[in-house]
N, C-alpha and C. Protein backbone atom coordinates (compact mmCIF):
# COMPACT_ATOMS: atom_id res chain seq x y z
N UNK A 1 106.30 142.09 86.86
CA UNK A 1 104.88 142.34 86.63
C UNK A 1 104.70 142.36 88.08
N UNK A 2 103.90 143.50 87.91
CA UNK A 2 103.28 144.30 89.22
C UNK A 2 102.15 144.18 89.44
N UNK A 3 101.75 142.94 88.70
CA UNK A 3 100.20 142.46 89.47
C UNK A 3 100.60 141.44 89.89
N UNK A 4 101.88 140.72 89.41
CA UNK A 4 102.06 139.55 90.64
C UNK A 4 102.31 139.69 92.27
N UNK A 5 101.48 139.60 93.12
CA UNK A 5 102.02 139.91 94.27
C UNK A 5 101.98 138.78 95.57
N UNK A 6 102.67 138.08 96.33
CA UNK A 6 102.71 137.22 97.17
C UNK A 6 102.95 138.03 98.79
N UNK A 7 102.56 136.89 99.69
CA UNK A 7 102.03 137.50 100.75
C UNK A 7 103.84 136.88 101.09
N UNK A 8 104.13 136.41 100.99
CA UNK A 8 105.62 135.97 101.63
C UNK A 8 106.72 135.60 100.51
N UNK A 9 108.13 135.64 100.88
CA UNK A 9 108.97 134.91 100.06
C UNK A 9 110.29 134.24 101.17
N UNK A 10 110.93 133.19 100.65
CA UNK A 10 111.90 132.87 100.84
C UNK A 10 112.76 132.47 100.04
N UNK A 11 114.26 133.43 100.55
CA UNK A 11 114.88 133.72 99.22
C UNK A 11 116.53 133.23 100.07
N UNK A 12 117.59 132.34 99.41
CA UNK A 12 118.48 131.93 99.68
C UNK A 12 119.75 132.14 99.10
N UNK A 13 121.01 132.37 99.58
CA UNK A 13 122.16 132.55 99.18
C UNK A 13 123.39 132.19 99.97
N UNK A 14 123.90 131.45 99.32
CA UNK A 14 125.54 130.98 100.38
C UNK A 14 125.94 129.91 98.96
N UNK A 15 127.63 130.34 99.43
CA UNK A 15 128.45 129.30 98.83
C UNK A 15 128.44 127.81 99.79
N UNK A 16 128.11 127.27 98.90
CA UNK A 16 128.17 125.38 99.35
C UNK A 16 129.56 124.98 99.69
N UNK A 17 130.06 124.80 101.01
CA UNK A 17 131.57 124.53 102.09
C UNK A 17 131.60 123.07 102.20
N UNK A 18 130.24 122.27 102.08
CA UNK A 18 130.51 120.80 102.44
C UNK A 18 130.39 120.14 101.60
N UNK A 19 129.47 120.50 100.05
CA UNK A 19 129.02 119.92 99.28
C UNK A 19 129.29 120.11 97.93
N UNK A 20 129.23 119.10 96.77
CA UNK A 20 129.76 119.94 95.25
C UNK A 20 128.03 120.45 94.75
N UNK A 21 128.18 121.75 94.48
CA UNK A 21 127.26 122.26 94.32
C UNK A 21 126.57 121.85 92.86
N UNK A 22 125.19 121.46 93.30
CA UNK A 22 124.34 120.89 92.44
C UNK A 22 122.88 121.01 92.30
N UNK A 23 122.24 121.37 90.98
CA UNK A 23 120.88 121.57 90.66
C UNK A 23 119.53 120.94 91.58
N UNK A 24 119.86 119.31 92.02
CA UNK A 24 119.00 119.24 93.22
C UNK A 24 119.39 119.49 94.42
N UNK A 25 120.46 120.30 94.61
CA UNK A 25 120.67 120.64 96.45
C UNK A 25 120.59 122.08 96.48
N UNK A 26 119.84 122.79 95.38
CA UNK A 26 119.96 124.21 95.22
C UNK A 26 118.72 124.53 96.36
N UNK A 27 118.93 126.10 97.26
CA UNK A 27 118.32 125.97 97.92
C UNK A 27 117.71 127.70 97.79
N UNK A 28 116.60 127.92 98.33
CA UNK A 28 115.68 127.07 99.72
C UNK A 28 114.99 126.10 99.13
N UNK A 29 114.70 124.78 99.41
CA UNK A 29 114.46 123.62 99.55
C UNK A 29 112.68 123.81 99.66
N UNK A 30 112.20 122.71 99.86
CA UNK A 30 110.13 123.04 100.06
C UNK A 30 109.86 123.67 101.17
N UNK A 31 110.71 123.27 102.58
CA UNK A 31 110.33 123.87 103.38
C UNK A 31 111.07 125.01 104.30
N UNK A 32 112.64 124.68 103.88
CA UNK A 32 113.76 125.46 104.27
C UNK A 32 114.56 126.08 103.83
N UNK A 33 115.44 127.06 104.06
CA UNK A 33 116.74 127.82 103.65
C UNK A 33 117.72 127.60 105.04
N UNK A 34 119.01 126.88 104.53
CA UNK A 34 120.01 126.60 105.67
C UNK A 34 121.17 127.52 105.41
N UNK A 35 121.74 128.23 106.69
CA UNK A 35 122.99 128.78 106.53
C UNK A 35 123.64 128.22 107.79
N UNK A 36 124.74 127.41 106.99
CA UNK A 36 125.68 126.54 108.27
C UNK A 36 125.82 125.11 107.56
N UNK A 37 125.79 124.23 108.64
CA UNK A 37 126.46 122.59 108.69
C UNK A 37 125.50 121.90 109.65
N UNK A 38 125.66 121.14 109.33
CA UNK A 38 124.73 120.08 110.23
C UNK A 38 125.66 118.82 111.07
N UNK A 39 126.62 119.11 111.53
CA UNK A 39 127.81 118.26 111.95
C UNK A 39 127.70 116.83 112.29
N UNK A 40 125.99 116.61 112.95
CA UNK A 40 125.99 115.34 113.35
C UNK A 40 124.89 114.80 112.21
N UNK A 41 125.11 114.91 111.07
CA UNK A 41 124.64 114.12 109.78
C UNK A 41 124.75 112.84 109.90
N UNK A 42 126.28 112.69 110.02
CA UNK A 42 126.38 111.10 109.99
C UNK A 42 125.22 110.13 111.07
N UNK A 43 125.45 110.77 111.90
CA UNK A 43 124.42 110.22 113.28
C UNK A 43 122.70 110.32 113.01
N UNK A 44 122.60 111.46 112.55
CA UNK A 44 121.16 111.71 112.59
C UNK A 44 120.63 111.00 111.09
N UNK A 45 121.48 110.77 110.09
CA UNK A 45 121.19 109.61 109.02
C UNK A 45 121.07 108.12 109.54
N UNK A 46 121.99 107.81 110.26
CA UNK A 46 121.92 106.42 110.77
C UNK A 46 120.84 105.91 111.51
N UNK A 47 120.63 107.23 112.78
CA UNK A 47 119.39 106.53 113.56
C UNK A 47 117.98 106.87 112.60
N UNK A 48 117.93 107.61 111.85
CA UNK A 48 116.76 107.73 110.95
C UNK A 48 116.62 106.30 110.35
N UNK A 49 117.41 106.13 109.54
CA UNK A 49 117.57 104.39 108.69
C UNK A 49 117.09 103.86 109.63
N UNK A 50 117.66 103.37 111.19
CA UNK A 50 117.29 102.47 111.77
C UNK A 50 115.57 102.33 112.57
N UNK A 51 115.34 103.42 112.39
CA UNK A 51 114.12 103.61 112.97
C UNK A 51 112.95 103.89 111.80
N UNK A 52 113.78 103.65 110.14
CA UNK A 52 112.54 103.57 109.42
C UNK A 52 111.71 102.46 109.26
N UNK A 53 111.93 101.57 109.95
CA UNK A 53 111.16 100.15 109.53
C UNK A 53 109.46 100.38 110.72
N UNK A 54 110.01 101.56 112.32
CA UNK A 54 108.78 101.66 112.96
C UNK A 54 108.29 102.62 112.46
N UNK A 55 108.42 103.66 111.62
CA UNK A 55 107.76 104.77 111.13
C UNK A 55 106.15 104.48 110.88
N UNK A 56 105.23 104.78 111.38
CA UNK A 56 104.00 104.99 110.85
C UNK A 56 102.90 106.11 111.11
N UNK A 57 102.01 106.39 110.29
CA UNK A 57 101.32 107.52 110.31
C UNK A 57 99.56 107.55 109.67
N UNK A 58 98.94 107.81 110.29
CA UNK A 58 97.53 106.94 109.21
C UNK A 58 97.54 107.87 108.10
N UNK A 59 98.33 109.03 108.42
CA UNK A 59 98.16 110.32 106.82
C UNK A 59 98.74 109.66 105.89
N UNK A 60 99.79 108.82 105.98
CA UNK A 60 100.24 107.79 104.83
C UNK A 60 99.69 106.23 104.72
N UNK A 61 99.29 105.81 105.95
CA UNK A 61 98.55 104.38 105.54
C UNK A 61 99.44 103.48 104.92
N UNK A 62 98.99 102.96 103.83
CA UNK A 62 99.98 101.50 103.33
C UNK A 62 100.97 102.22 102.42
N UNK A 63 100.62 103.43 101.88
CA UNK A 63 101.94 104.56 101.30
C UNK A 63 103.52 104.38 102.27
N UNK A 64 103.12 104.08 103.30
CA UNK A 64 104.34 104.93 103.91
C UNK A 64 105.51 104.52 103.67
N UNK A 65 105.40 103.27 103.49
CA UNK A 65 107.00 103.11 102.94
C UNK A 65 107.39 103.90 101.01
N UNK A 66 106.48 104.51 100.71
CA UNK A 66 107.12 105.26 99.84
C UNK A 66 107.45 106.13 100.14
N UNK A 67 107.71 106.80 101.38
CA UNK A 67 108.74 107.85 101.50
C UNK A 67 109.80 107.40 102.53
N UNK A 68 110.03 106.57 102.72
CA UNK A 68 111.34 106.15 103.55
C UNK A 68 111.85 105.30 102.96
N UNK A 69 113.54 105.41 103.21
CA UNK A 69 113.77 106.30 104.24
C UNK A 69 113.70 107.44 104.17
N UNK A 70 113.61 108.70 105.19
CA UNK A 70 113.32 110.20 104.31
C UNK A 70 115.18 110.85 104.45
N UNK A 71 116.01 110.20 104.86
CA UNK A 71 117.00 110.85 104.47
C UNK A 71 118.31 109.91 103.71
N UNK A 72 118.51 110.36 102.74
CA UNK A 72 119.51 109.64 101.64
C UNK A 72 120.64 110.23 101.37
N UNK A 73 121.44 109.18 100.88
CA UNK A 73 122.98 109.47 101.16
C UNK A 73 123.75 110.24 100.17
N UNK A 74 122.37 110.18 99.00
CA UNK A 74 122.70 111.46 97.92
C UNK A 74 122.21 112.84 98.05
N UNK A 75 121.54 113.17 99.35
CA UNK A 75 121.70 114.43 99.62
C UNK A 75 122.37 115.30 100.31
N UNK A 76 122.26 116.47 100.48
CA UNK A 76 123.38 117.14 101.31
C UNK A 76 122.45 116.95 103.06
N UNK A 77 123.19 117.44 103.90
CA UNK A 77 122.92 117.83 105.50
C UNK A 77 121.63 118.71 105.29
N UNK A 78 121.39 119.85 104.59
CA UNK A 78 120.67 120.81 104.31
C UNK A 78 119.29 120.11 103.68
N UNK A 79 119.49 118.92 103.01
CA UNK A 79 118.68 118.73 101.76
C UNK A 79 117.76 117.68 102.64
N UNK A 80 118.51 116.93 103.66
CA UNK A 80 118.34 116.10 104.22
C UNK A 80 117.25 116.45 105.58
N UNK A 81 117.62 117.45 106.11
CA UNK A 81 116.92 118.19 107.19
C UNK A 81 115.87 118.47 106.58
N UNK A 82 115.50 119.38 105.56
CA UNK A 82 114.40 119.84 104.87
C UNK A 82 113.54 118.86 104.96
N UNK A 83 113.90 117.65 104.00
CA UNK A 83 112.97 116.40 103.91
C UNK A 83 112.67 115.52 105.69
N UNK A 84 113.13 115.62 106.24
CA UNK A 84 112.88 115.28 107.61
C UNK A 84 111.72 116.12 108.53
N UNK A 85 111.94 117.49 108.02
CA UNK A 85 110.96 118.27 108.54
C UNK A 85 109.75 118.25 107.79
N UNK A 86 110.04 118.12 106.80
CA UNK A 86 108.27 117.96 105.81
C UNK A 86 107.46 116.90 106.20
N UNK A 87 108.63 116.02 106.35
CA UNK A 87 108.29 114.60 106.96
C UNK A 87 106.95 114.32 108.20
N UNK A 88 107.96 115.39 109.19
CA UNK A 88 106.99 116.00 110.74
C UNK A 88 105.70 116.78 110.17
N UNK A 89 106.11 117.39 109.37
CA UNK A 89 104.78 118.59 108.73
C UNK A 89 103.69 117.54 108.14
N UNK A 90 103.72 116.68 107.49
CA UNK A 90 102.71 115.90 106.95
C UNK A 90 102.66 114.44 108.05
N UNK A 91 102.68 114.75 109.33
CA UNK A 91 102.85 114.15 110.26
C UNK A 91 101.80 114.68 111.67
N UNK A 92 101.42 115.75 111.01
CA UNK A 92 100.21 116.80 111.63
C UNK A 92 101.60 117.90 112.70
N UNK A 93 102.66 118.02 112.21
CA UNK A 93 103.49 118.94 113.21
C UNK A 93 103.53 119.85 112.68
N UNK A 94 103.38 121.15 113.53
CA UNK A 94 103.70 122.85 112.78
C UNK A 94 105.18 122.50 112.54
N UNK A 95 105.53 123.48 112.00
CA UNK A 95 106.93 124.04 111.68
C UNK A 95 107.81 124.36 112.79
N UNK A 96 107.03 125.44 113.45
CA UNK A 96 108.29 126.15 114.46
C UNK A 96 108.35 124.56 115.69
N UNK A 97 107.02 123.96 115.93
CA UNK A 97 107.47 122.42 116.72
C UNK A 97 108.63 121.68 116.38
N UNK A 98 108.40 121.26 114.85
CA UNK A 98 109.61 120.43 114.34
C UNK A 98 110.81 121.16 114.59
N UNK A 99 110.61 122.56 114.55
CA UNK A 99 112.11 123.10 114.46
C UNK A 99 112.78 123.00 116.01
N UNK A 100 112.26 123.22 116.96
CA UNK A 100 112.24 122.58 117.85
C UNK A 100 112.45 121.25 118.68
N UNK A 101 111.85 120.30 118.07
CA UNK A 101 111.89 119.03 118.10
C UNK A 101 113.71 118.91 117.57
N UNK A 102 114.05 119.32 116.35
CA UNK A 102 115.05 118.85 115.74
C UNK A 102 116.30 119.89 116.07
N UNK A 103 116.42 120.69 116.61
CA UNK A 103 117.32 121.68 116.78
C UNK A 103 116.92 122.33 118.26
N UNK A 104 116.81 121.71 119.17
CA UNK A 104 116.34 122.20 120.30
C UNK A 104 117.45 123.39 120.86
N UNK A 105 117.01 123.94 122.37
CA UNK A 105 118.07 124.95 122.89
C UNK A 105 118.50 124.14 123.89
N UNK A 106 119.55 124.77 124.35
CA UNK A 106 120.43 123.81 125.86
C UNK A 106 119.52 124.24 126.62
N UNK A 107 118.41 123.39 126.79
CA UNK A 107 117.49 123.45 128.12
C UNK A 107 117.68 123.07 129.05
N UNK A 108 118.78 121.95 129.19
CA UNK A 108 119.45 121.57 130.87
C UNK A 108 119.90 122.96 131.40
N UNK A 109 119.91 123.57 130.93
CA UNK A 109 120.33 125.28 132.02
C UNK A 109 119.21 125.63 132.57
N UNK A 110 118.41 124.99 132.65
CA UNK A 110 116.78 125.66 132.97
C UNK A 110 116.27 124.30 133.95
N UNK A 111 117.01 123.74 134.78
CA UNK A 111 116.72 122.82 135.24
C UNK A 111 115.89 123.04 136.77
N UNK A 112 116.13 124.48 136.97
CA UNK A 112 114.91 125.10 138.12
C UNK A 112 113.76 124.81 137.71
N UNK A 113 113.16 125.11 136.50
CA UNK A 113 111.81 125.23 135.99
C UNK A 113 111.46 123.78 135.30
N UNK A 114 111.18 122.99 136.25
CA UNK A 114 110.97 121.64 136.13
C UNK A 114 109.19 121.17 135.96
N UNK A 115 108.63 122.22 136.26
CA UNK A 115 107.30 122.72 135.67
C UNK A 115 107.00 123.20 134.82
N UNK A 116 108.33 123.82 133.86
CA UNK A 116 107.29 124.49 132.81
C UNK A 116 107.57 123.51 131.56
N UNK A 117 106.54 124.02 130.88
CA UNK A 117 106.07 123.57 130.03
C UNK A 117 106.96 123.48 128.71
N UNK A 118 107.72 124.54 128.78
CA UNK A 118 108.90 124.21 127.52
C UNK A 118 109.85 123.28 127.64
N UNK A 119 110.47 123.22 129.29
CA UNK A 119 112.00 122.24 129.30
C UNK A 119 111.05 120.89 129.08
N UNK A 120 109.81 120.49 130.17
CA UNK A 120 109.05 119.29 129.96
C UNK A 120 108.77 119.02 128.50
N UNK A 121 108.32 120.05 127.16
CA UNK A 121 108.62 119.55 126.08
C UNK A 121 109.69 118.93 125.50
N UNK A 122 110.86 119.24 125.44
CA UNK A 122 112.14 119.14 125.51
C UNK A 122 112.84 117.51 126.09
N UNK A 123 112.40 117.77 127.57
CA UNK A 123 113.10 116.53 127.72
C UNK A 123 111.64 115.51 127.34
N UNK A 124 110.62 115.33 126.79
CA UNK A 124 110.14 114.89 126.45
C UNK A 124 110.16 114.31 125.14
N UNK A 125 110.64 115.28 124.36
CA UNK A 125 111.19 115.27 123.01
C UNK A 125 112.81 114.48 122.39
N UNK A 126 113.50 114.50 123.77
CA UNK A 126 114.85 114.11 123.48
C UNK A 126 114.84 112.94 123.99
N UNK A 127 114.03 112.10 124.66
CA UNK A 127 113.81 110.67 124.90
C UNK A 127 113.77 110.37 123.40
N UNK A 128 112.79 110.51 121.96
CA UNK A 128 111.98 110.29 120.81
C UNK A 128 113.61 110.69 119.98
N UNK A 129 114.02 111.60 120.12
CA UNK A 129 114.44 112.74 118.44
C UNK A 129 115.61 113.14 118.76
N UNK A 130 116.52 112.35 118.47
CA UNK A 130 118.61 113.02 118.66
C UNK A 130 118.08 114.33 118.02
N UNK A 131 119.24 115.57 118.49
CA UNK A 131 119.41 116.68 117.81
C UNK A 131 120.21 116.65 116.41
N UNK A 132 119.70 117.48 115.77
CA UNK A 132 120.55 117.82 114.63
C UNK A 132 120.78 118.97 114.55
N UNK A 133 122.79 118.98 115.41
CA UNK A 133 123.68 119.57 115.64
C UNK A 133 124.56 120.42 114.56
N UNK A 134 124.67 121.81 115.16
CA UNK A 134 126.03 121.87 114.11
C UNK A 134 125.19 123.69 114.07
N UNK A 135 126.37 124.48 113.68
CA UNK A 135 126.00 126.14 113.32
C UNK A 135 124.96 125.93 112.64
N UNK A 136 123.93 126.69 112.70
CA UNK A 136 123.26 126.65 111.82
C UNK A 136 121.80 127.80 111.74
N UNK A 137 121.82 128.29 110.89
CA UNK A 137 120.12 129.31 111.24
C UNK A 137 119.55 129.06 109.74
N UNK A 138 118.10 128.74 110.40
CA UNK A 138 117.05 127.79 109.36
C UNK A 138 116.19 128.81 109.40
N UNK A 139 115.92 129.26 107.98
CA UNK A 139 114.55 130.01 107.94
C UNK A 139 113.73 129.14 107.19
N UNK A 140 112.41 129.38 107.89
CA UNK A 140 111.38 127.99 107.52
C UNK A 140 109.82 128.40 106.90
N UNK A 141 109.14 127.98 106.24
CA UNK A 141 107.76 128.08 105.91
C UNK A 141 106.91 126.92 105.58
N UNK A 142 106.12 127.40 106.60
CA UNK A 142 104.68 125.81 105.94
C UNK A 142 103.85 126.47 105.53
N UNK A 143 103.48 127.58 105.21
CA UNK A 143 102.49 128.42 104.46
C UNK A 143 101.73 129.11 105.69
N UNK A 144 101.65 128.54 107.08
CA UNK A 144 100.89 128.88 108.12
C UNK A 144 102.02 129.76 108.85
N UNK A 145 103.40 129.30 109.15
CA UNK A 145 104.39 130.02 110.05
C UNK A 145 105.39 129.93 109.05
N UNK A 146 106.03 131.32 109.10
CA UNK A 146 107.15 131.78 108.26
C UNK A 146 108.31 132.16 109.37
N UNK A 147 109.37 131.92 109.47
CA UNK A 147 110.40 132.61 110.57
C UNK A 147 111.76 131.77 110.25
N UNK A 148 112.50 132.05 111.83
CA UNK A 148 114.30 131.29 111.57
C UNK A 148 114.38 130.88 113.21
N UNK A 149 114.97 129.85 113.12
CA UNK A 149 115.65 128.90 114.25
C UNK A 149 117.37 129.06 114.12
N UNK A 150 117.65 129.31 115.88
CA UNK A 150 119.01 129.32 115.46
C UNK A 150 119.94 128.14 116.21
N UNK A 151 120.71 127.67 115.91
CA UNK A 151 121.13 126.55 116.91
C UNK A 151 121.50 126.76 118.09
N UNK A 152 121.63 125.56 119.10
CA UNK A 152 121.39 126.24 120.29
C UNK A 152 123.07 126.60 121.22
N UNK A 153 124.21 126.72 119.89
CA UNK A 153 125.33 127.46 120.21
C UNK A 153 125.47 129.02 120.04
N UNK A 154 124.40 129.17 119.29
CA UNK A 154 124.14 130.78 118.25
C UNK A 154 125.56 130.82 117.64
N UNK A 155 126.16 130.17 116.70
CA UNK A 155 127.13 130.20 115.92
C UNK A 155 126.99 130.58 114.54
N UNK A 156 125.50 130.95 114.13
CA UNK A 156 125.41 132.34 113.04
C UNK A 156 124.37 133.34 113.17
N UNK A 157 124.45 134.19 112.83
CA UNK A 157 123.73 135.85 112.68
C UNK A 157 122.71 135.16 112.41
N UNK A 158 121.55 135.94 113.15
CA UNK A 158 119.90 136.05 112.72
C UNK A 158 119.76 136.73 113.02
N UNK A 159 118.92 137.64 112.23
CA UNK A 159 118.70 139.05 113.00
C UNK A 159 117.05 139.07 112.18
N UNK A 160 116.26 140.15 112.74
CA UNK A 160 115.09 140.22 112.34
C UNK A 160 114.61 142.40 112.71
N UNK A 161 113.67 142.56 111.56
CA UNK A 161 113.35 143.40 111.37
C UNK A 161 111.79 143.75 111.34
N UNK A 162 110.64 144.39 111.59
CA UNK A 162 109.61 144.83 111.74
C UNK A 162 109.37 146.20 110.96
N UNK A 163 109.07 146.43 109.79
CA UNK A 163 108.77 148.17 109.49
C UNK A 163 107.33 148.29 109.80
N UNK A 164 107.10 149.73 109.60
CA UNK A 164 105.63 150.41 109.79
C UNK A 164 104.71 149.59 108.77
N UNK A 165 105.15 149.62 108.12
CA UNK A 165 104.10 149.13 106.99
C UNK A 165 103.78 147.72 106.95
N UNK A 166 104.32 147.05 107.97
CA UNK A 166 104.09 145.61 108.19
C UNK A 166 105.01 144.99 108.05
N UNK A 167 106.12 145.24 106.94
CA UNK A 167 107.08 144.19 106.64
C UNK A 167 107.36 143.76 107.37
N UNK A 168 107.97 142.00 107.89
CA UNK A 168 108.65 141.82 108.38
C UNK A 168 109.95 140.74 107.83
N UNK A 169 111.51 141.10 107.98
CA UNK A 169 112.16 140.66 106.99
C UNK A 169 113.65 139.82 108.56
N UNK A 170 113.60 138.51 108.21
CA UNK A 170 114.45 137.81 108.86
C UNK A 170 115.18 137.16 108.06
N UNK A 171 116.93 137.39 108.37
CA UNK A 171 117.65 137.53 107.77
C UNK A 171 118.91 137.16 108.65
N UNK A 172 120.06 136.76 108.10
CA UNK A 172 121.18 136.34 108.91
C UNK A 172 122.39 137.25 108.45
N UNK A 173 121.98 138.35 107.83
CA UNK A 173 122.98 139.22 107.55
C UNK A 173 122.02 140.85 107.38
N UNK A 174 122.72 141.67 108.21
CA UNK A 174 122.30 143.33 108.77
C UNK A 174 121.86 143.75 107.46
N UNK A 175 122.82 144.26 106.57
CA UNK A 175 123.09 145.04 105.31
C UNK A 175 121.95 144.37 104.66
N UNK A 176 120.99 143.02 104.92
CA UNK A 176 119.92 143.13 103.67
C UNK A 176 119.09 143.93 103.20
N UNK A 177 118.74 144.96 104.40
CA UNK A 177 117.73 145.90 103.96
C UNK A 177 118.69 147.28 103.79
N UNK A 178 119.31 147.60 102.62
CA UNK A 178 119.90 149.02 102.35
C UNK A 178 119.10 150.18 102.85
N UNK A 179 120.14 151.22 103.00
CA UNK A 179 119.40 152.22 103.27
C UNK A 179 118.35 153.23 102.56
N UNK A 180 118.52 152.97 101.20
CA UNK A 180 117.37 153.21 100.14
C UNK A 180 116.32 152.88 100.43
N UNK A 181 116.21 151.10 100.33
CA UNK A 181 115.19 150.20 100.61
C UNK A 181 114.45 150.89 102.08
N UNK A 182 115.39 150.50 103.01
CA UNK A 182 114.54 150.72 104.29
C UNK A 182 115.48 151.66 105.23
N UNK A 183 114.87 153.12 105.12
CA UNK A 183 115.70 154.10 106.32
C UNK A 183 115.66 153.78 107.45
N UNK A 184 116.18 153.98 108.59
CA UNK A 184 116.07 154.01 109.94
C UNK A 184 114.54 154.20 110.11
N UNK A 185 114.43 155.48 109.65
CA UNK A 185 112.86 155.64 110.38
C UNK A 185 111.60 154.93 110.27
N UNK A 186 111.88 153.84 109.04
CA UNK A 186 111.17 153.07 108.55
C UNK A 186 110.61 151.93 109.37
N UNK A 187 111.70 151.63 110.74
CA UNK A 187 111.96 149.91 111.32
C UNK A 187 111.16 150.67 112.82
N UNK A 188 109.78 149.75 113.04
CA UNK A 188 108.89 149.54 113.98
C UNK A 188 109.47 149.00 114.84
N UNK A 189 110.39 148.10 114.87
CA UNK A 189 111.01 147.35 115.66
C UNK A 189 111.97 146.10 115.19
N UNK A 190 113.01 145.75 115.84
CA UNK A 190 114.16 144.63 115.58
C UNK A 190 114.77 144.32 116.65
N UNK A 191 115.52 143.27 116.12
CA UNK A 191 116.12 142.13 117.62
C UNK A 191 116.65 141.34 116.28
N UNK A 192 117.72 140.24 118.02
CA UNK A 192 118.61 139.09 117.18
C UNK A 192 118.34 137.70 117.75
N UNK A 193 118.04 136.68 116.97
CA UNK A 193 118.08 135.66 117.88
C UNK A 193 119.44 135.20 118.92
N UNK A 194 119.01 134.84 120.02
CA UNK A 194 120.25 134.32 120.74
C UNK A 194 119.89 132.70 120.53
N UNK A 195 121.41 132.29 121.27
CA UNK A 195 121.50 130.26 120.93
C UNK A 195 119.89 130.01 121.07
N UNK A 196 119.68 129.37 120.48
CA UNK A 196 118.42 128.16 120.54
C UNK A 196 116.91 128.67 119.86
N UNK A 197 117.13 129.98 119.86
CA UNK A 197 116.07 130.95 119.99
C UNK A 197 115.22 130.87 117.96
N UNK A 198 113.93 131.28 118.67
CA UNK A 198 113.02 131.15 117.33
C UNK A 198 112.26 132.02 117.26
N UNK A 199 111.71 132.87 116.25
CA UNK A 199 110.62 134.13 115.87
C UNK A 199 110.12 133.61 114.80
N UNK A 200 109.07 133.95 114.51
CA UNK A 200 108.39 133.73 113.10
C UNK A 200 106.96 134.75 113.54
N UNK A 201 106.37 134.34 111.78
CA UNK A 201 105.27 135.13 111.87
C UNK A 201 103.86 134.26 111.49
N UNK A 202 102.65 134.70 112.30
CA UNK A 202 101.72 133.48 111.46
C UNK A 202 100.97 134.67 110.58
N UNK A 203 101.14 133.90 109.26
CA UNK A 203 100.97 134.27 108.28
C UNK A 203 99.39 134.28 107.92
N UNK A 204 98.50 134.16 108.99
CA UNK A 204 97.38 134.03 108.91
C UNK A 204 96.47 135.61 109.58
N UNK A 205 97.56 135.85 110.60
CA UNK A 205 97.21 137.19 111.55
C UNK A 205 98.43 138.11 111.36
N UNK A 206 99.29 138.01 110.52
CA UNK A 206 100.55 138.83 110.60
C UNK A 206 101.19 139.24 111.84
N UNK A 207 100.79 138.64 113.21
CA UNK A 207 101.48 138.63 114.29
C UNK A 207 102.73 137.94 114.10
N UNK A 208 104.17 138.95 114.80
CA UNK A 208 104.70 138.49 115.01
C UNK A 208 105.25 137.65 116.15
N UNK A 209 105.83 136.87 116.04
CA UNK A 209 105.78 135.95 117.36
C UNK A 209 107.27 135.77 117.67
N UNK A 210 107.48 135.95 118.81
CA UNK A 210 109.02 136.00 119.51
C UNK A 210 108.82 134.80 120.29
N UNK A 211 110.16 134.08 120.39
CA UNK A 211 110.98 133.52 120.79
C UNK A 211 109.88 132.83 122.25
N UNK A 212 109.63 133.20 123.15
CA UNK A 212 109.50 132.94 124.63
C UNK A 212 107.86 132.27 124.09
N UNK A 213 107.38 133.45 123.72
CA UNK A 213 105.68 133.07 123.11
C UNK A 213 105.34 131.92 122.59
N UNK A 214 106.27 131.80 121.38
CA UNK A 214 106.11 130.50 120.46
C UNK A 214 106.42 129.46 121.07
N UNK A 215 107.40 129.18 121.43
CA UNK A 215 107.96 127.94 122.26
C UNK A 215 106.35 127.40 123.66
N UNK A 216 106.19 128.87 123.95
CA UNK A 216 105.34 128.02 124.92
C UNK A 216 103.91 127.74 124.35
N UNK A 217 103.65 128.85 123.10
CA UNK A 217 102.73 127.91 122.24
C UNK A 217 102.75 126.87 121.70
N UNK A 218 103.97 126.08 121.21
CA UNK A 218 103.90 124.92 120.82
C UNK A 218 103.58 123.88 121.75
N UNK A 219 104.57 124.36 123.18
CA UNK A 219 104.60 123.23 124.39
C UNK A 219 102.81 123.20 124.53
N UNK A 220 102.38 124.01 124.62
CA UNK A 220 100.93 123.92 125.19
C UNK A 220 100.20 123.01 124.23
N UNK A 221 100.73 122.73 122.94
CA UNK A 221 99.36 122.11 121.79
C UNK A 221 98.79 121.15 122.60
């Protein structure tokens, strides 16, 4: 129906390699679509359960126990990742910030930048939240920001394209835009994510915010 228009869409298609396909685990989820595996999921699951008794936030008040534990054994690694991201967002974190916390880059290589806000951000959160590690490209959206984040080892492809008409595509596959859909002349800019990098669109302004600018923005909140 050509009358039905949306500002953005999050789309996922991938063969399930480490869980049995079931409709409750179909992607995308509420917040993310995931290409990859979270290899540390057992540790993430255990630590999340261990901390559940200490979770509290005024947004939930006495009903906090209704959302705990956020990770469930019957869920896949991707589904548990999505639930934990949503919990952080309901506790007033923005989704690029949640991505930085959960899948941090290898910031230890930047030890010369002791006063860098982004390095300080990662050091602070490393004491509070263990990383969800493994080969992963995460597409995400919370209604304000839509984008993608890559694991710190860069083990999945992640590319983004900006067309002259303002359309932005963030994808794991280069051929997602065919020549008929988007000929070479229609590209305004394009790039790829490196290990631990992030890119996002501010849906309120249409601005494409690349890795360094986005991380600094989140670190200076």
